[in-house]
Amino acid sequence: GDDVKLKNCTACYLVKYCSIKCQKEHRPKHKRNCKKRAAELHDEILFKQPESTHLGDCPICCLPLSLVESKSSLYSCCSNRQSYFCTRKEEENRRNSCPFCRQPVSSTEKEAEKNTMKRIEVNDPVALRQWGSRRYYEGDHKSAFEYWTKAAKLGDAVAHYELSHSYKEGKGGIEKDKKKELYHLEQAAIGGHPEARHNLGCAEGHNRRHDRATKHLIIAANLGYDDAVKLLKSTYALGLVSKEDLASALRAHQAAVDATKSPQREAAEVYRCAAEGGGSEREDETIKRASPRQWLMRIRRRDGFRNGGGLPLPEPYGARFDQSSSQGTADIYWLYVIIVMSADNNEADTSCCASCGVAEAGDVRLKNCTACYLVKYCSIKCQKEHRPKHKRACKKRAAELRDELLFKQPESSHLGDCPICFVPLPLDLSKSIVAVCCSKMICRGCDVETQKRELEERLENKCPFCREPVGNKLWRKQIMKRIEANDPVAMCREGVEQYEKGDYSSALGYYVKAAELGDVEAHFKLRGMQLKNFIELRTTSILRIVEIITICCTRC
């Protein structure tokens, strides 16, 4: 009624009570169902995939922030984290202000502390957490714990993660507490912290609850966390993760990583790594992927590298140039360094001969290594001299290029589409015909419709595609005409006819000519002849034929 107000059981939301007395009396009967439903509700929240990581999106470019925190900057004036590209863009515009709130950027440590304290006064969880971390590294664990607790109450996921470590280590007068450690890990994981989610998965695996551990690791992988992917692969090897779940997690992980990338961010990252001299392995890889042109454009902006950075000029340039003579000399020096780095990474992008270092200019024309396309040479002599150093990298890259073609999904089968109705032709050859006059494969439907129209209108029997007259008397003449014009389809067809007659040498000749012109069916027929011992080919030749068939299908 109007006077009676019922209140839900706040643990399970299954039942309602009119008073605390009724709730206490009903507790013994309801306790078991209440705990079960409360655990279900907790797991629903815990295992829900977060929309993003705890870092969120950059407030300027609105792209997800990378988990590599060195690729973004945290501003003390507004406690917002922004990508390095947005920060760099502001610097290029010569504005010494925050890209988000437009406040002047603190130039000294005291100004940064002052900004942080202002944010703490208004209960900013990020500022509270940052100040707590500072206290922790200064050795004041008790104060750090207090700041982290305040930030965690305001919903900061990183603060929860730091508190879980505090309860695990038990420093600064804080007692070790496994339950509180797991509680804060769960809160951090719910907030989108991938490392906390990963640690939860490890804890569940240690307790032999593999289903729950797998769920945690998949969620962490979906957020773009690399360590979770590595652990998932290990658990897959033990048979604890299905192939479908692993494949789905790998795709989601790659999608999450790609979402944080953009051409502008990559360019800014190259500049940062060049300016700071690298650092982590990932940053070094970014530097190596940069082209010499990108390097030179960024190095020229640095006053410290105007004269080559004060380093000795390596051979062969040391004997030719004075490192302090001009800007051009410094550029040549750094271009040489970049060539060496790129060669080590098998991704050289240069306009200089890989052997003698001669640049392409005037009468000097460089030619690519046609196997790998990684390096260029000015002459055959330089190519032969450089071969021992380049051989290993060349073979590796050549194999990669071949595999790119071999494992590329073809757009259609080797039969292609019907030239009349533009519908893909079926692999069942009985459902299509080959017009001898033009060597086009046409589906049965278009051929039957053409014959019907010709019968109804009493027209001459002609090819549905090229409209040339067809008939048994013209068949032989037309196919020979196509063979004279080097038509691979006609050659393969004639090879089939000669093979059926028993003239295997003639069939082989036609197949070889058609295969050289790129006919996929001819390659397949050659393999069939080898399997039946009509021709002698090595095992490598068989594999090569199969690869050519696949690559030709890809190009069709």
Protein backbone atom coordinates (compact mmCIF):
# COMPACT_ATOMS: atom_id res chain seq x y z
CA GLY A 1 0.00 0.00 0.00
CA ASP A 2 0.91 3.65 0.21
CA ASP A 3 2.24 3.35 3.75
CA VAL A 4 4.32 0.20 3.13
CA LYS A 5 7.56 0.72 1.15
CA LEU A 6 9.45 -2.40 0.10
CA LYS A 7 13.22 -2.36 -0.34
CA ASN A 8 15.31 -4.71 -2.46
CA CYS A 9 17.92 -7.07 -1.09
CA THR A 10 20.96 -5.03 -2.20
CA ALA A 11 23.12 -8.15 -2.67
CA CYS A 12 20.98 -10.17 -5.11
CA TYR A 13 17.95 -8.01 -6.06
CA LEU A 14 15.82 -11.18 -6.06
CA VAL A 15 13.50 -10.38 -3.16
CA LYS A 16 12.10 -7.36 -1.29
CA TYR A 17 11.48 -6.65 2.40
CA CYS A 18 9.23 -4.27 4.31
CA SER A 19 11.61 -3.94 7.29
CA ILE A 20 15.00 -4.96 8.61
CA LYS A 21 13.24 -7.38 11.01
CA CYS A 22 11.67 -9.31 8.13
CA GLN A 23 14.99 -9.37 6.34
CA LYS A 24 16.78 -10.88 9.36
CA GLU A 25 14.04 -13.49 9.88
CA HIS A 26 14.15 -14.52 6.21
CA ARG A 27 17.96 -14.57 6.01
CA PRO A 28 18.50 -18.28 6.86
CA LYS A 29 16.18 -19.35 4.01
CA HIS A 30 17.47 -16.78 1.53
CA LYS A 31 21.19 -16.88 2.29
CA ARG A 32 22.18 -19.61 -0.18
CA ASN A 33 20.28 -18.19 -3.16
CA CYS A 34 21.41 -14.68 -2.26
CA LYS A 35 25.12 -15.57 -2.33
CA LYS A 36 24.75 -17.50 -5.59
CA ARG A 37 22.96 -14.63 -7.36
CA ALA A 38 25.36 -12.04 -5.90
CA ALA A 39 28.31 -14.02 -7.32
CA GLU A 40 26.59 -14.17 -10.72
CA LEU A 41 26.00 -10.41 -10.76
CA HIS A 42 29.62 -9.83 -9.71
CA ASP A 43 30.93 -12.02 -12.54
CA GLU A 44 28.70 -10.26 -15.07
CA ILE A 45 30.39 -6.98 -14.19
CA LEU A 46 33.86 -8.50 -13.84
CA PHE A 47 33.90 -10.33 -17.19
CA LYS A 48 32.28 -7.59 -19.24
CA GLN A 49 34.60 -6.42 -22.01
CA PRO A 50 35.59 -2.76 -21.34
CA GLU A 51 35.01 -0.34 -24.21
CA SER A 52 38.60 0.92 -23.89
CA THR A 53 41.65 0.73 -21.65
CA HIS A 54 42.01 2.79 -18.49
CA LEU A 55 43.94 5.38 -20.54
CA GLY A 56 40.93 6.08 -22.77
CA ASP A 57 41.18 8.25 -25.89
CA CYS A 58 43.31 11.28 -26.64
CA PRO A 59 41.06 14.33 -26.04
CA ILE A 60 42.60 16.11 -29.07
CA CYS A 61 42.67 13.54 -31.90
CA CYS A 62 40.02 11.26 -30.31
CA LEU A 63 42.03 8.10 -31.09
CA PRO A 64 42.69 5.42 -28.42
CA LEU A 65 45.90 6.00 -26.49
CA SER A 66 48.65 3.41 -26.76
CA LEU A 67 49.49 1.23 -23.75
CA VAL A 68 53.11 2.31 -24.25
CA GLU A 69 52.93 5.36 -22.00
CA SER A 70 56.05 6.91 -23.56
CA LYS A 71 53.89 7.57 -26.65
CA SER A 72 51.70 10.02 -24.70
CA SER A 73 52.14 12.85 -22.22
CA LEU A 74 50.30 13.65 -18.98
CA TYR A 75 49.75 17.36 -18.33
CA SER A 76 49.66 18.49 -14.70
CA CYS A 77 47.48 21.53 -15.48
CA CYS A 78 44.39 19.48 -16.42
CA SER A 79 45.45 15.86 -15.63
CA ASN A 80 44.73 14.85 -19.22
CA ARG A 81 46.88 12.39 -21.12
CA GLN A 82 47.46 13.29 -24.80
CA SER A 83 49.24 11.52 -27.63
CA TYR A 84 52.76 12.59 -28.53
CA PHE A 85 51.59 13.68 -32.00
CA CYS A 86 49.15 16.22 -30.54
CA THR A 87 51.85 17.44 -28.16
CA ARG A 88 54.39 17.69 -30.97
CA LYS A 89 51.92 19.58 -33.17
CA GLU A 90 51.51 22.18 -30.43
CA GLU A 91 55.30 22.57 -30.19
CA GLU A 92 55.63 23.00 -33.96
CA ASN A 93 53.05 25.81 -33.77
CA ARG A 94 55.37 27.44 -31.21
CA ARG A 95 52.74 27.51 -28.50
CA ASN A 96 54.01 26.81 -25.00
CA SER A 97 50.58 25.80 -23.73
CA CYS A 98 48.54 22.66 -23.04
CA PRO A 99 46.82 21.46 -26.24
CA PHE A 100 43.62 20.74 -24.26
CA CYS A 101 43.06 23.42 -21.62
CA ARG A 102 45.34 26.05 -23.22
CA GLN A 103 47.06 26.76 -19.89
CA PRO A 104 50.81 27.60 -20.04
CA VAL A 105 52.95 24.49 -19.69
CA SER A 106 54.96 24.38 -16.48
CA SER A 107 58.64 24.93 -17.24
CA THR A 108 59.98 24.06 -13.77
CA GLU A 109 59.33 21.29 -11.27
CA LYS A 110 57.89 23.76 -8.74
CA GLU A 111 55.29 24.97 -11.24
CA ALA A 112 54.34 21.36 -12.00
CA GLU A 113 53.94 20.67 -8.25
CA LYS A 114 51.80 23.78 -7.88
CA ASN A 115 49.51 22.64 -10.72
CA THR A 116 49.25 19.16 -9.22
CA MET A 117 48.30 20.54 -5.79
CA LYS A 118 45.57 22.66 -7.39
CA ARG A 119 44.14 19.52 -8.99
CA ILE A 120 44.37 17.66 -5.66
CA GLU A 121 42.36 20.39 -3.94
CA VAL A 122 39.46 19.78 -6.34
CA ASN A 123 39.71 15.99 -5.75
CA ASP A 124 41.16 15.07 -9.15
CA PRO A 125 41.78 11.28 -8.96
CA VAL A 126 44.62 11.37 -11.51
CA ALA A 127 46.47 14.09 -9.59
CA LEU A 128 45.93 12.21 -6.30
CA ARG A 129 47.28 9.03 -7.83
CA GLN A 130 50.30 10.81 -9.37
CA TRP A 131 51.14 12.46 -6.08
CA GLY A 132 50.79 9.13 -4.30
CA SER A 133 53.22 7.53 -6.77
CA ARG A 134 55.69 10.33 -6.12
CA ARG A 135 55.44 9.77 -2.37
CA TYR A 136 55.94 6.04 -2.89
CA TYR A 137 59.20 6.52 -4.83
CA GLU A 138 60.38 8.94 -2.18
CA GLY A 139 59.93 6.15 0.39
CA ASP A 140 56.82 7.52 2.15
CA HIS A 141 54.63 4.42 1.62
CA LYS A 142 52.03 5.43 4.19
CA SER A 143 51.26 8.77 2.51
CA ALA A 144 51.26 7.09 -0.88
CA PHE A 145 48.71 4.59 0.39
CA GLU A 146 46.44 7.39 1.61
CA TYR A 147 46.55 9.26 -1.70
CA TRP A 148 45.92 6.05 -3.66
CA THR A 149 42.97 5.22 -1.41
CA LYS A 150 41.38 8.62 -2.10
CA ALA A 151 41.96 8.24 -5.84
CA ALA A 152 40.53 4.70 -5.82
CA LYS A 153 37.37 5.91 -4.05
CA LEU A 154 36.97 8.42 -6.91
CA GLY A 155 37.18 5.56 -9.43
CA ASP A 156 40.78 5.67 -10.68
CA ALA A 157 41.74 2.24 -12.07
CA VAL A 158 45.50 2.77 -11.73
CA ALA A 159 45.06 3.71 -8.05
CA HIS A 160 43.25 0.40 -7.47
CA TYR A 161 46.14 -1.39 -9.19
CA GLU A 162 48.71 0.38 -6.98
CA LEU A 163 46.69 -0.50 -3.87
CA SER A 164 46.69 -4.17 -4.89
CA HIS A 165 50.51 -4.02 -4.94
CA SER A 166 50.52 -2.32 -1.54
CA TYR A 167 48.45 -5.13 0.00
CA LYS A 168 50.66 -7.69 -1.73
CA GLU A 169 53.97 -6.18 -0.52
CA GLY A 170 52.79 -5.00 2.91
CA LYS A 171 55.13 -1.99 3.12
CA GLY A 172 54.75 1.16 5.22
CA GLY A 173 52.84 -0.44 8.06
CA ILE A 174 50.22 -1.93 5.72
CA GLU A 175 49.37 -5.55 6.47
CA LYS A 176 49.37 -8.09 3.68
CA ASP A 177 45.82 -8.98 2.72
CA LYS A 178 45.10 -11.41 -0.12
CA LYS A 179 41.37 -10.63 -0.26
CA LYS A 180 41.90 -6.88 -0.51
CA GLU A 181 44.63 -7.42 -3.07
CA LEU A 182 42.24 -9.40 -5.30
CA TYR A 183 39.44 -6.89 -4.67
CA HIS A 184 41.52 -3.96 -5.92
CA LEU A 185 42.80 -6.01 -8.85
CA GLU A 186 39.21 -6.74 -9.84
CA GLN A 187 38.24 -3.07 -9.55
CA ALA A 188 41.22 -2.07 -11.70
CA ALA A 189 40.34 -4.74 -14.26
CA ILE A 190 36.73 -3.54 -14.40
CA GLY A 191 38.10 -0.04 -15.03
CA GLY A 192 39.97 -1.30 -18.11
CA HIS A 193 43.48 -1.84 -16.68
CA PRO A 194 44.93 -4.65 -18.89
CA GLU A 195 47.87 -5.47 -16.59
CA ALA A 196 45.51 -5.92 -13.64
CA ARG A 197 43.34 -8.17 -15.82
CA HIS A 198 46.43 -10.17 -16.78
CA ASN A 199 47.44 -10.57 -13.13
CA LEU A 200 43.92 -11.74 -12.28
CA GLY A 201 44.19 -14.38 -15.00
CA CYS A 202 47.50 -15.57 -13.53
CA ALA A 203 45.94 -15.75 -10.05
CA GLU A 204 42.96 -17.75 -11.31
CA GLY A 205 45.29 -20.08 -13.20
CA HIS A 206 47.34 -20.61 -10.05
CA ASN A 207 44.12 -21.63 -8.29
CA ARG A 208 43.40 -24.07 -11.18
CA ARG A 209 40.28 -22.20 -12.30
CA HIS A 210 41.33 -22.26 -15.91
CA ASP A 211 38.00 -21.15 -17.41
CA ARG A 212 38.05 -17.91 -15.44
CA ALA A 213 41.76 -17.41 -16.15
CA THR A 214 41.13 -17.79 -19.90
CA LYS A 215 38.34 -15.21 -19.81
CA HIS A 216 40.60 -12.70 -18.06
CA LEU A 217 43.44 -13.25 -20.54
CA ILE A 218 41.14 -12.92 -23.56
CA ILE A 219 39.76 -9.61 -22.24
CA ALA A 220 43.32 -8.33 -21.65
CA ALA A 221 44.34 -9.42 -25.16
CA ASN A 222 41.30 -7.65 -26.63
CA LEU A 223 42.57 -4.45 -24.98
CA GLY A 224 45.89 -4.79 -26.84
CA TYR A 225 48.04 -6.21 -24.00
CA ASP A 226 50.97 -8.18 -25.47
CA ASP A 227 51.79 -10.30 -22.39
CA ALA A 228 48.23 -11.66 -22.33
CA VAL A 229 48.63 -12.86 -25.94
CA LYS A 230 51.89 -14.63 -25.07
CA LEU A 231 50.26 -16.37 -22.10
CA LEU A 232 47.24 -17.34 -24.21
CA LYS A 233 49.54 -19.02 -26.73
CA SER A 234 51.20 -20.97 -23.91
CA THR A 235 47.85 -22.10 -22.50
CA TYR A 236 46.72 -23.07 -26.01
CA ALA A 237 49.78 -25.33 -26.28
CA LEU A 238 48.62 -27.01 -23.06
CA GLY A 239 45.11 -27.50 -24.48
CA LEU A 240 43.41 -25.08 -22.07
CA VAL A 241 42.26 -22.66 -24.79
CA SER A 242 40.34 -23.58 -27.93
CA LYS A 243 41.68 -22.70 -31.37
CA GLU A 244 38.64 -20.50 -32.10
CA ASP A 245 39.06 -18.48 -28.87
CA LEU A 246 42.77 -17.96 -29.54
CA ALA A 247 42.17 -16.86 -33.14
CA SER A 248 39.42 -14.47 -32.05
CA ALA A 249 41.66 -13.00 -29.33
CA LEU A 250 44.55 -12.52 -31.76
CA ARG A 251 42.32 -10.69 -34.24
CA ALA A 252 40.87 -8.46 -31.49
CA HIS A 253 44.37 -7.76 -30.13
CA GLN A 254 45.63 -6.68 -33.53
CA ALA A 255 42.54 -4.51 -34.06
CA ALA A 256 43.13 -2.81 -30.69
CA VAL A 257 46.77 -2.12 -31.53
CA ASP A 258 45.92 -0.82 -35.01
CA ALA A 259 43.28 1.50 -33.56
CA THR A 260 46.00 3.40 -31.69
CA LYS A 261 48.01 3.99 -34.88
CA SER A 262 47.81 6.70 -37.51
CA PRO A 263 50.27 8.07 -40.09
CA GLN A 264 50.60 11.26 -38.06
CA ARG A 265 51.37 9.36 -34.84
CA GLU A 266 53.94 7.18 -36.62
CA ALA A 267 55.71 10.25 -37.99
CA ALA A 268 55.73 11.87 -34.54
CA GLU A 269 57.10 8.66 -33.02
CA VAL A 270 59.95 8.58 -35.54
CA TYR A 271 60.80 12.17 -34.65
CA ARG A 272 60.71 11.45 -30.92
CA CYS A 273 62.93 8.37 -31.20
CA ALA A 274 65.40 10.25 -33.40
CA ALA A 275 65.47 13.20 -30.99
CA GLU A 276 65.91 11.03 -27.88
CA GLY A 277 68.26 8.49 -29.43
CA GLY A 278 65.91 5.52 -29.05
CA GLY A 279 65.48 3.68 -25.79
CA SER A 280 63.38 0.55 -25.60
CA GLU A 281 63.51 -2.25 -28.17
CA ARG A 282 60.16 -1.12 -29.57
CA GLU A 283 61.44 2.42 -30.01
CA ASP A 284 64.61 1.15 -31.70
CA GLU A 285 62.47 -0.84 -34.14
CA THR A 286 60.49 2.34 -34.92
CA ILE A 287 63.74 4.13 -35.69
CA LYS A 288 64.91 1.35 -38.00
CA ARG A 289 61.60 1.40 -39.91
CA ALA A 290 62.06 5.09 -40.75
CA SER A 291 63.24 5.91 -44.24
CA PRO A 292 66.44 7.99 -44.72
CA ARG A 293 64.35 10.92 -45.96
CA GLN A 294 62.30 10.90 -42.73
CA TRP A 295 65.48 10.72 -40.68
CA LEU A 296 67.20 13.60 -42.47
CA MET A 297 64.14 15.85 -42.25
CA ARG A 298 64.01 15.34 -38.51
CA ILE A 299 67.76 15.41 -37.84
CA ARG A 300 68.07 18.76 -39.62
CA ARG A 301 65.73 20.27 -37.01
CA ARG A 302 68.17 19.41 -34.24
CA ASP A 303 70.95 21.90 -33.56
CA GLY A 304 73.01 19.19 -31.92
CA PHE A 305 73.38 17.33 -35.22
CA ARG A 306 74.30 20.30 -37.43
CA ASN A 307 77.87 19.09 -37.75
CA GLY A 308 77.32 15.36 -37.55
CA GLY A 309 76.83 15.16 -33.78
CA GLY A 310 80.57 15.28 -33.02
CA LEU A 311 81.07 11.65 -34.07
CA PRO A 312 83.89 10.44 -36.38
CA LEU A 313 82.85 9.97 -39.99
CA PRO A 314 82.96 6.24 -40.89
CA GLU A 315 84.49 4.73 -44.02
CA PRO A 316 84.17 5.18 -46.97
CA TYR A 317 83.13 8.77 -46.20
CA GLY A 318 85.83 9.48 -43.62
CA ALA A 319 88.51 9.83 -46.29
CA ARG A 320 86.35 11.95 -48.62
CA PHE A 321 84.61 14.57 -46.46
CA ASP A 322 85.34 16.87 -43.54
CA GLN A 323 82.58 16.30 -41.01
CA SER A 324 82.43 19.96 -39.92
CA SER A 325 82.54 21.46 -43.41
CA SER A 326 78.86 21.91 -44.21
CA GLN A 327 75.30 20.85 -43.58
CA GLY A 328 75.47 18.58 -46.64
CA THR A 329 78.38 16.63 -45.17
CA ALA A 330 76.43 16.02 -41.95
CA ASP A 331 73.49 14.81 -44.03
CA ILE A 332 75.76 12.38 -45.92
CA TYR A 333 77.14 11.08 -42.64
CA TRP A 334 73.73 10.44 -41.14
CA LEU A 335 72.46 8.97 -44.38
CA TYR A 336 75.34 6.50 -44.23
CA VAL A 337 74.44 5.57 -40.63
CA ILE A 338 70.81 5.08 -41.65
CA ILE A 339 71.81 2.82 -44.57
CA VAL A 340 73.78 0.61 -42.19
CA MET A 341 70.87 0.43 -39.71
CA SER A 342 68.37 -0.30 -42.47
CA ALA A 343 70.59 -3.02 -43.93
CA ASP A 344 70.73 -4.70 -40.53
CA ASN A 345 66.92 -4.61 -40.46
CA ASN A 346 66.62 -5.90 -44.06
CA GLU A 347 64.58 -2.85 -44.98
CA ALA A 348 67.04 -0.50 -46.70
CA ASP A 349 65.40 2.45 -48.40
CA THR A 350 68.19 4.35 -50.08
CA SER A 351 69.29 5.79 -53.38
CA CYS A 352 72.94 4.77 -52.92
CA CYS A 353 74.83 1.72 -54.14
CA ALA A 354 74.94 -0.83 -51.34
CA SER A 355 78.53 -1.76 -52.17
CA CYS A 356 80.46 1.40 -53.01
CA GLY A 357 78.03 4.06 -51.71
CA VAL A 358 77.74 5.99 -54.98
CA ALA A 359 74.54 8.04 -55.16
CA GLU A 360 72.20 8.00 -58.14
CA ALA A 361 72.94 11.17 -60.09
CA GLY A 362 73.79 12.16 -63.64
CA ASP A 363 74.99 9.16 -65.62
CA VAL A 364 74.90 6.82 -62.60
CA ARG A 365 71.78 4.68 -62.71
CA LEU A 366 71.13 2.25 -59.88
CA LYS A 367 69.31 -1.04 -60.34
CA ASN A 368 67.42 -2.98 -57.68
CA CYS A 369 68.37 -6.43 -56.53
CA THR A 370 65.60 -8.25 -58.39
CA ALA A 371 65.34 -11.00 -55.77
CA CYS A 372 64.65 -8.91 -52.65
CA TYR A 373 64.32 -5.25 -53.76
CA LEU A 374 66.07 -4.21 -50.55
CA VAL A 375 69.24 -2.69 -52.02
CA LYS A 376 70.49 -1.10 -55.24
CA TYR A 377 73.73 -1.43 -57.21
CA CYS A 378 75.50 0.73 -59.74
CA SER A 379 77.09 -2.22 -61.61
CA ILE A 380 77.26 -6.01 -61.76
CA LYS A 381 80.74 -5.82 -60.26
CA CYS A 382 79.43 -4.10 -57.11
CA GLN A 383 76.61 -6.62 -56.90
CA LYS A 384 79.06 -9.55 -56.98
CA GLU A 385 81.36 -7.95 -54.39
CA HIS A 386 78.46 -7.25 -52.05
CA ARG A 387 76.85 -10.69 -52.54
CA PRO A 388 78.54 -12.47 -49.59
CA LYS A 389 77.28 -9.79 -47.14
CA HIS A 390 73.84 -9.50 -48.72
CA LYS A 391 73.15 -13.17 -49.50
CA ARG A 392 71.50 -14.14 -46.23
CA ALA A 393 69.24 -11.08 -46.02
CA CYS A 394 68.42 -11.38 -49.73
CA LYS A 395 67.27 -15.00 -49.44
CA LYS A 396 65.21 -14.22 -46.36
CA ARG A 397 63.42 -11.28 -48.00
CA ALA A 398 62.95 -13.18 -51.27
CA ALA A 399 61.27 -15.99 -49.34
CA GLU A 400 59.02 -13.45 -47.61
CA LEU A 401 58.02 -11.88 -50.94
CA ARG A 402 57.29 -15.29 -52.42
CA ASP A 403 55.17 -16.24 -49.41
CA GLU A 404 53.23 -12.97 -49.69
CA LEU A 405 52.19 -13.97 -53.20
CA LEU A 406 51.71 -17.63 -52.35
CA PHE A 407 49.46 -17.10 -49.32
CA LYS A 408 47.46 -14.18 -50.70
CA GLN A 409 43.77 -15.00 -50.99
CA PRO A 410 42.81 -15.06 -54.72
CA GLU A 411 39.89 -12.86 -55.70
CA SER A 412 38.40 -15.72 -57.73
CA SER A 413 39.27 -19.15 -59.11
CA HIS A 414 41.44 -19.58 -62.21
CA LEU A 415 38.24 -19.84 -64.29
CA GLY A 416 37.23 -16.25 -63.50
CA ASP A 417 33.79 -14.85 -64.40
CA CYS A 418 31.50 -15.52 -67.32
CA PRO A 419 32.14 -12.71 -69.88
CA ILE A 420 28.38 -12.53 -70.65
CA CYS A 421 26.62 -12.46 -67.26
CA PHE A 422 29.70 -11.59 -65.11
CA VAL A 423 28.86 -14.31 -62.56
CA PRO A 424 31.78 -16.45 -61.26
CA LEU A 425 32.11 -19.68 -63.19
CA PRO A 426 31.58 -22.93 -61.23
CA LEU A 427 34.48 -25.32 -60.73
CA ASP A 428 32.34 -28.08 -62.27
CA LEU A 429 33.51 -27.85 -65.90
CA SER A 430 30.34 -29.58 -67.15
CA LYS A 431 28.44 -26.40 -66.28
CA SER A 432 30.39 -24.24 -68.73
CA ILE A 433 31.80 -24.39 -72.27
CA VAL A 434 34.95 -23.08 -73.95
CA ALA A 435 34.38 -21.12 -77.17
CA VAL A 436 37.09 -22.28 -79.57
CA CYS A 437 36.90 -19.11 -81.70
CA CYS A 438 37.89 -16.75 -78.84
CA SER A 439 39.08 -19.15 -76.07
CA LYS A 440 36.51 -17.70 -73.66
CA MET A 441 34.82 -19.88 -71.03
CA ILE A 442 31.06 -19.21 -70.96
CA CYS A 443 28.51 -20.57 -68.50
CA ARG A 444 25.85 -23.03 -69.75
CA GLY A 445 23.06 -20.59 -68.94
CA CYS A 446 24.33 -17.90 -71.33
CA ASP A 447 25.06 -20.52 -74.02
CA VAL A 448 21.54 -22.03 -73.77
CA GLU A 449 19.89 -18.59 -73.89
CA THR A 450 21.90 -17.71 -76.99
CA GLN A 451 20.90 -20.97 -78.72
CA LYS A 452 17.23 -20.41 -77.83
CA ARG A 453 17.24 -16.92 -79.32
CA GLU A 454 18.96 -18.17 -82.48
CA LEU A 455 16.40 -20.98 -82.89
CA GLU A 456 13.43 -18.68 -82.30
CA GLU A 457 14.71 -16.05 -84.73
CA ARG A 458 16.22 -18.63 -87.11
CA LEU A 459 19.67 -17.08 -86.94
CA GLU A 460 23.05 -18.58 -87.76
CA ASN A 461 24.77 -20.41 -84.92
CA LYS A 462 27.41 -18.01 -83.57
CA CYS A 463 29.64 -17.66 -80.51
CA PRO A 464 27.79 -15.94 -77.61
CA PHE A 465 30.81 -13.70 -76.97
CA CYS A 466 32.65 -12.82 -80.21
CA ARG A 467 29.72 -13.62 -82.58
CA GLU A 468 31.96 -15.67 -84.89
CA PRO A 469 30.28 -18.59 -86.72
CA VAL A 470 30.76 -21.93 -84.97
CA GLY A 471 30.49 -25.50 -86.22
CA ASN A 472 32.23 -28.84 -86.30
CA LYS A 473 33.90 -28.05 -89.64
CA LEU A 474 35.34 -24.75 -88.37
CA TRP A 475 36.53 -26.09 -85.02
CA ARG A 476 39.97 -27.33 -86.08
CA LYS A 477 40.73 -24.26 -88.17
CA GLN A 478 39.76 -21.89 -85.37
CA ILE A 479 41.82 -23.61 -82.69
CA MET A 480 44.95 -23.63 -84.88
CA LYS A 481 44.42 -19.94 -85.60
CA ARG A 482 44.35 -19.25 -81.86
CA ILE A 483 47.52 -21.33 -81.34
CA GLU A 484 49.32 -19.30 -84.02
CA ALA A 485 48.34 -16.15 -82.08
CA ASN A 486 50.00 -17.65 -78.94
CA ASP A 487 46.72 -18.14 -77.07
CA PRO A 488 47.61 -20.15 -73.90
CA VAL A 489 44.05 -21.52 -73.50
CA ALA A 490 44.05 -22.90 -77.05
CA MET A 491 47.52 -24.41 -76.53
CA CYS A 492 46.42 -26.12 -73.33
CA ARG A 493 43.28 -27.43 -75.08
CA GLU A 494 45.37 -28.83 -77.94
CA GLY A 495 47.72 -30.40 -75.38
CA VAL A 496 44.75 -32.18 -73.79
CA GLU A 497 43.67 -33.51 -77.19
CA GLN A 498 47.17 -34.77 -78.00
CA TYR A 499 47.42 -36.36 -74.56
CA GLU A 500 44.16 -38.25 -75.08
CA LYS A 501 45.49 -39.52 -78.44
CA GLY A 502 48.62 -40.81 -76.68
CA ASP A 503 51.08 -38.30 -78.18
CA TYR A 504 52.60 -37.32 -74.85
CA SER A 505 55.64 -35.49 -76.25
CA SER A 506 53.41 -33.13 -78.29
CA ALA A 507 51.12 -32.67 -75.30
CA LEU A 508 54.13 -31.79 -73.16
CA GLY A 509 55.27 -29.21 -75.72
CA TYR A 510 51.87 -27.51 -75.80
CA TYR A 511 51.61 -27.56 -71.98
CA VAL A 512 55.06 -26.00 -71.55
CA LYS A 513 54.29 -23.19 -74.03
CA ALA A 514 50.92 -22.47 -72.38
CA ALA A 515 52.53 -22.53 -68.90
CA GLU A 516 55.17 -20.04 -70.00
CA LEU A 517 52.34 -17.72 -71.09
CA GLY A 518 50.81 -17.95 -67.60
CA ASP A 519 48.04 -20.53 -68.05
CA VAL A 520 47.19 -22.06 -64.67
CA GLU A 521 45.55 -25.17 -66.13
CA ALA A 522 48.72 -25.92 -68.13
CA HIS A 523 50.81 -25.79 -64.93
CA PHE A 524 48.42 -28.23 -63.32
CA LYS A 525 48.54 -30.58 -66.34
CA LEU A 526 52.35 -30.56 -66.23
CA ARG A 527 52.21 -31.64 -62.60
CA GLY A 528 49.78 -34.43 -63.54
CA MET A 529 52.13 -35.68 -66.26
CA GLN A 530 55.03 -35.74 -63.80
CA LEU A 531 53.01 -37.74 -61.27
CA LYS A 532 52.28 -40.31 -63.99
CA ASN A 533 56.01 -40.50 -64.89
CA PHE A 534 55.56 -39.16 -68.41
CA ILE A 535 58.22 -36.52 -67.72
CA GLU A 536 61.01 -36.46 -65.17
CA LEU A 537 61.01 -33.56 -62.73
CA ARG A 538 62.62 -33.16 -59.37
CA THR A 539 60.56 -32.77 -56.20
CA THR A 540 61.44 -29.06 -56.05
CA SER A 541 60.02 -28.62 -59.54
CA ILE A 542 56.70 -30.14 -58.42
CA LEU A 543 56.49 -27.71 -55.53
CA ARG A 544 57.40 -24.83 -57.81
CA ILE A 545 54.56 -25.76 -60.20
CA VAL A 546 52.07 -25.86 -57.32
CA GLU A 547 53.27 -22.42 -56.15
CA ILE A 548 52.93 -20.98 -59.66
CA ILE A 549 49.35 -22.29 -59.87
CA THR A 550 48.46 -20.55 -56.61
CA ILE A 551 50.24 -17.29 -57.51
CA CYS A 552 48.64 -17.20 -60.96
CA CYS A 553 45.21 -17.64 -59.36
CA THR A 554 46.05 -14.69 -57.11
CA ARG A 555 46.92 -12.50 -60.08
CA CYS A 556 43.85 -13.50 -62.08
